[in-house]
Amino acid sequence: MKYTARHVRRFLEQGKIDPALWMKHFPSVLDTRVPACRDCEDHKNKTCEGGKNPVDCFLSLKPKPEPDQMTETPVGDNKRIKKPKQYRWTARDRGKITAHGANKTYDQSRI
């Protein structure tokens, strides 16, 4: 896929691309331009074979989690704690339930 500068900006804001790593590899590239593989510091130092789209290359890399994040549990894993049956509300505890069509303000028992 051909990426634009807007794509790159959005990926950096969303965290799909690590901004520190991006700036380390492309220090001299403007924000309004999508870099080529030949602009990468790894390609210039001949540590990368090259020939790839840099945006695809960075999207395939996953940012490493910080040490603080590795010890914490994710938010979605917390299970809801179930109360013992003796502490649950029953229909009797909630009170009398009236039908949906009944008029609650008019006392119908005196008719």
C-alpha atoms as a PDB file:
ATOM      1  CA  MET A   1       0.000   0.000   0.000  1.00  0.00           C
ATOM      2  CA  LYS A   2       1.189   3.496  -0.724  1.00  0.00           C
ATOM      3  CA  TYR A   3       1.200   5.555   2.465  1.00  0.00           C
ATOM      4  CA  THR A   4       0.940   9.327   2.785  1.00  0.00           C
ATOM      5  CA  ALA A   5       2.298  11.646   5.465  1.00  0.00           C
ATOM      6  CA  ARG A   6      -1.169  11.697   7.029  1.00  0.00           C
ATOM      7  CA  HIS A   7      -1.056   7.894   7.427  1.00  0.00           C
ATOM      8  CA  VAL A   8       2.337   8.107   9.128  1.00  0.00           C
ATOM      9  CA  ARG A   9       1.145  10.868  11.489  1.00  0.00           C
ATOM     10  CA  ARG A  10      -1.947   8.859  12.437  1.00  0.00           C
ATOM     11  CA  PHE A  11       0.096   5.688  13.071  1.00  0.00           C
ATOM     12  CA  LEU A  12       2.459   7.657  15.312  1.00  0.00           C
ATOM     13  CA  GLU A  13      -0.454   9.186  17.266  1.00  0.00           C
ATOM     14  CA  GLN A  14      -2.248   5.856  17.682  1.00  0.00           C
ATOM     15  CA  GLY A  15       0.916   4.149  18.894  1.00  0.00           C
ATOM     16  CA  LYS A  16       1.096   1.628  16.059  1.00  0.00           C
ATOM     17  CA  ILE A  17       4.565   2.979  15.287  1.00  0.00           C
ATOM     18  CA  ASP A  18       6.949   3.804  18.118  1.00  0.00           C
ATOM     19  CA  PRO A  19       7.723   7.550  17.749  1.00  0.00           C
ATOM     20  CA  ALA A  20      11.146   7.332  19.417  1.00  0.00           C
ATOM     21  CA  LEU A  21      12.242   4.505  17.142  1.00  0.00           C
ATOM     22  CA  TRP A  22      10.853   6.304  14.081  1.00  0.00           C
ATOM     23  CA  MET A  23      12.810   9.479  14.890  1.00  0.00           C
ATOM     24  CA  LYS A  24      15.922   7.421  15.576  1.00  0.00           C
ATOM     25  CA  HIS A  25      15.764   5.801  12.133  1.00  0.00           C
ATOM     26  CA  PHE A  26      14.619   8.900  10.200  1.00  0.00           C
ATOM     27  CA  PRO A  27      16.098  11.968  11.968  1.00  0.00           C
ATOM     28  CA  SER A  28      16.388  14.218   8.913  1.00  0.00           C
ATOM     29  CA  VAL A  29      13.017  13.443   7.286  1.00  0.00           C
ATOM     30  CA  LEU A  30      10.323  16.122   7.438  1.00  0.00           C
ATOM     31  CA  ASP A  31       6.856  15.373   8.858  1.00  0.00           C
ATOM     32  CA  THR A  32       5.275  16.286   5.521  1.00  0.00           C
ATOM     33  CA  ARG A  33       7.152  13.597   3.630  1.00  0.00           C
ATOM     34  CA  VAL A  34       7.009   9.804   3.698  1.00  0.00           C
ATOM     35  CA  PRO A  35      10.562   8.451   3.930  1.00  0.00           C
ATOM     36  CA  ALA A  36      12.014   5.898   1.563  1.00  0.00           C
ATOM     37  CA  CYS A  37      14.083   2.913   2.569  1.00  0.00           C
ATOM     38  CA  ARG A  38      17.276   4.675   1.486  1.00  0.00           C
ATOM     39  CA  ASP A  39      16.598   7.416   4.113  1.00  0.00           C
ATOM     40  CA  CYS A  40      16.768   4.933   7.009  1.00  0.00           C
ATOM     41  CA  GLU A  41      19.852   5.004   9.225  1.00  0.00           C
ATOM     42  CA  ASP A  42      20.014   1.193   9.244  1.00  0.00           C
ATOM     43  CA  HIS A  43      20.138   1.137   5.454  1.00  0.00           C
ATOM     44  CA  LYS A  44      22.851   3.803   5.417  1.00  0.00           C
ATOM     45  CA  ASN A  45      24.913   1.811   7.947  1.00  0.00           C
ATOM     46  CA  LYS A  46      24.302  -1.355   5.888  1.00  0.00           C
ATOM     47  CA  THR A  47      22.739  -3.247   8.803  1.00  0.00           C
ATOM     48  CA  CYS A  48      19.468  -3.700   6.883  1.00  0.00           C
ATOM     49  CA  GLU A  49      19.085  -5.362   3.490  1.00  0.00           C
ATOM     50  CA  GLY A  50      16.585  -2.709   2.363  1.00  0.00           C
ATOM     51  CA  GLY A  51      14.076  -2.823  -0.458  1.00  0.00           C
ATOM     52  CA  LYS A  52      11.048  -2.611   1.858  1.00  0.00           C
ATOM     53  CA  ASN A  53       8.461   0.047   2.481  1.00  0.00           C
ATOM     54  CA  PRO A  54       9.543   1.668   5.782  1.00  0.00           C
ATOM     55  CA  VAL A  55       5.978   2.163   7.018  1.00  0.00           C
ATOM     56  CA  ASP A  56       5.187  -1.537   6.497  1.00  0.00           C
ATOM     57  CA  CYS A  57       8.471  -2.412   8.164  1.00  0.00           C
ATOM     58  CA  PHE A  58       7.632  -0.339  11.267  1.00  0.00           C
ATOM     59  CA  LEU A  59       4.032  -1.564  11.393  1.00  0.00           C
ATOM     60  CA  SER A  60       5.315  -5.138  11.548  1.00  0.00           C
ATOM     61  CA  LEU A  61       7.456  -4.228  14.590  1.00  0.00           C
ATOM     62  CA  LYS A  62       5.655  -4.266  17.905  1.00  0.00           C
ATOM     63  CA  PRO A  63       6.782  -1.734  20.529  1.00  0.00           C
ATOM     64  CA  LYS A  64       8.302  -3.400  23.571  1.00  0.00           C
ATOM     65  CA  PRO A  65       6.223  -2.897  26.726  1.00  0.00           C
ATOM     66  CA  GLU A  66       7.824  -0.945  29.535  1.00  0.00           C
ATOM     67  CA  PRO A  67       8.764  -2.875  32.694  1.00  0.00           C
ATOM     68  CA  ASP A  68       5.899  -1.243  34.646  1.00  0.00           C
ATOM     69  CA  GLN A  69       3.352  -2.420  32.084  1.00  0.00           C
ATOM     70  CA  MET A  70       4.555  -6.027  32.172  1.00  0.00           C
ATOM     71  CA  THR A  71       3.774  -6.465  35.882  1.00  0.00           C
ATOM     72  CA  GLU A  72       0.271  -4.987  35.728  1.00  0.00           C
ATOM     73  CA  THR A  73      -2.643  -7.086  34.595  1.00  0.00           C
ATOM     74  CA  PRO A  74      -4.633  -5.892  31.593  1.00  0.00           C
ATOM     75  CA  VAL A  75      -7.935  -4.148  32.290  1.00  0.00           C
ATOM     76  CA  GLY A  76     -10.048  -6.714  30.445  1.00  0.00           C
ATOM     77  CA  ASP A  77      -8.807  -9.678  32.498  1.00  0.00           C
ATOM     78  CA  ASN A  78     -10.451  -8.601  35.756  1.00  0.00           C
ATOM     79  CA  LYS A  79     -13.371 -10.927  36.346  1.00  0.00           C
ATOM     80  CA  ARG A  80     -16.450  -9.752  38.157  1.00  0.00           C
ATOM     81  CA  ILE A  81     -16.459 -11.100  41.692  1.00  0.00           C
ATOM     82  CA  LYS A  82     -19.601 -13.094  42.372  1.00  0.00           C
ATOM     83  CA  LYS A  83     -21.218 -12.708  45.775  1.00  0.00           C
ATOM     84  CA  PRO A  84     -22.270 -15.790  47.698  1.00  0.00           C
ATOM     85  CA  LYS A  85     -25.879 -16.799  47.167  1.00  0.00           C
ATOM     86  CA  GLN A  86     -26.922 -15.709  50.647  1.00  0.00           C
ATOM     87  CA  TYR A  87     -26.037 -12.080  49.821  1.00  0.00           C
ATOM     88  CA  ARG A  88     -27.809 -11.842  46.448  1.00  0.00           C
ATOM     89  CA  TRP A  89     -31.018  -9.863  45.944  1.00  0.00           C
ATOM     90  CA  THR A  90     -34.131 -11.866  45.260  1.00  0.00           C
ATOM     91  CA  ALA A  91     -37.555 -10.757  43.997  1.00  0.00           C
ATOM     92  CA  ARG A  92     -38.822 -10.726  47.595  1.00  0.00           C
ATOM     93  CA  ASP A  93     -35.967  -8.408  48.668  1.00  0.00           C
ATOM     94  CA  ARG A  94     -36.580  -5.951  45.832  1.00  0.00           C
ATOM     95  CA  GLY A  95     -40.234  -5.433  46.704  1.00  0.00           C
ATOM     96  CA  LYS A  96     -43.541  -5.815  44.904  1.00  0.00           C
ATOM     97  CA  ILE A  97     -43.316  -5.586  41.141  1.00  0.00           C
ATOM     98  CA  THR A  98     -46.327  -4.139  39.340  1.00  0.00           C
ATOM     99  CA  ALA A  99     -47.361  -4.886  35.792  1.00  0.00           C
ATOM    100  CA  HIS A 100     -46.276  -2.457  33.079  1.00  0.00           C
ATOM    101  CA  GLY A 101     -49.797  -1.362  32.185  1.00  0.00           C
ATOM    102  CA  ALA A 102     -51.022  -0.806  35.743  1.00  0.00           C
ATOM    103  CA  ASN A 103     -51.713   2.699  37.001  1.00  0.00           C
ATOM    104  CA  LYS A 104     -49.544   3.056  40.089  1.00  0.00           C
ATOM    105  CA  THR A 105     -50.951   6.395  41.241  1.00  0.00           C
ATOM    106  CA  TYR A 106     -54.649   5.384  41.374  1.00  0.00           C
ATOM    107  CA  ASP A 107     -55.687   3.010  44.148  1.00  0.00           C
ATOM    108  CA  GLN A 108     -57.660   0.319  42.330  1.00  0.00           C
ATOM    109  CA  SER A 109     -58.382  -1.753  45.431  1.00  0.00           C
ATOM    110  CA  ARG A 110     -61.363   0.478  46.438  1.00  0.00           C
ATOM    111  CA  ILE A 111     -63.382  -0.082  43.278  1.00  0.00           C
END
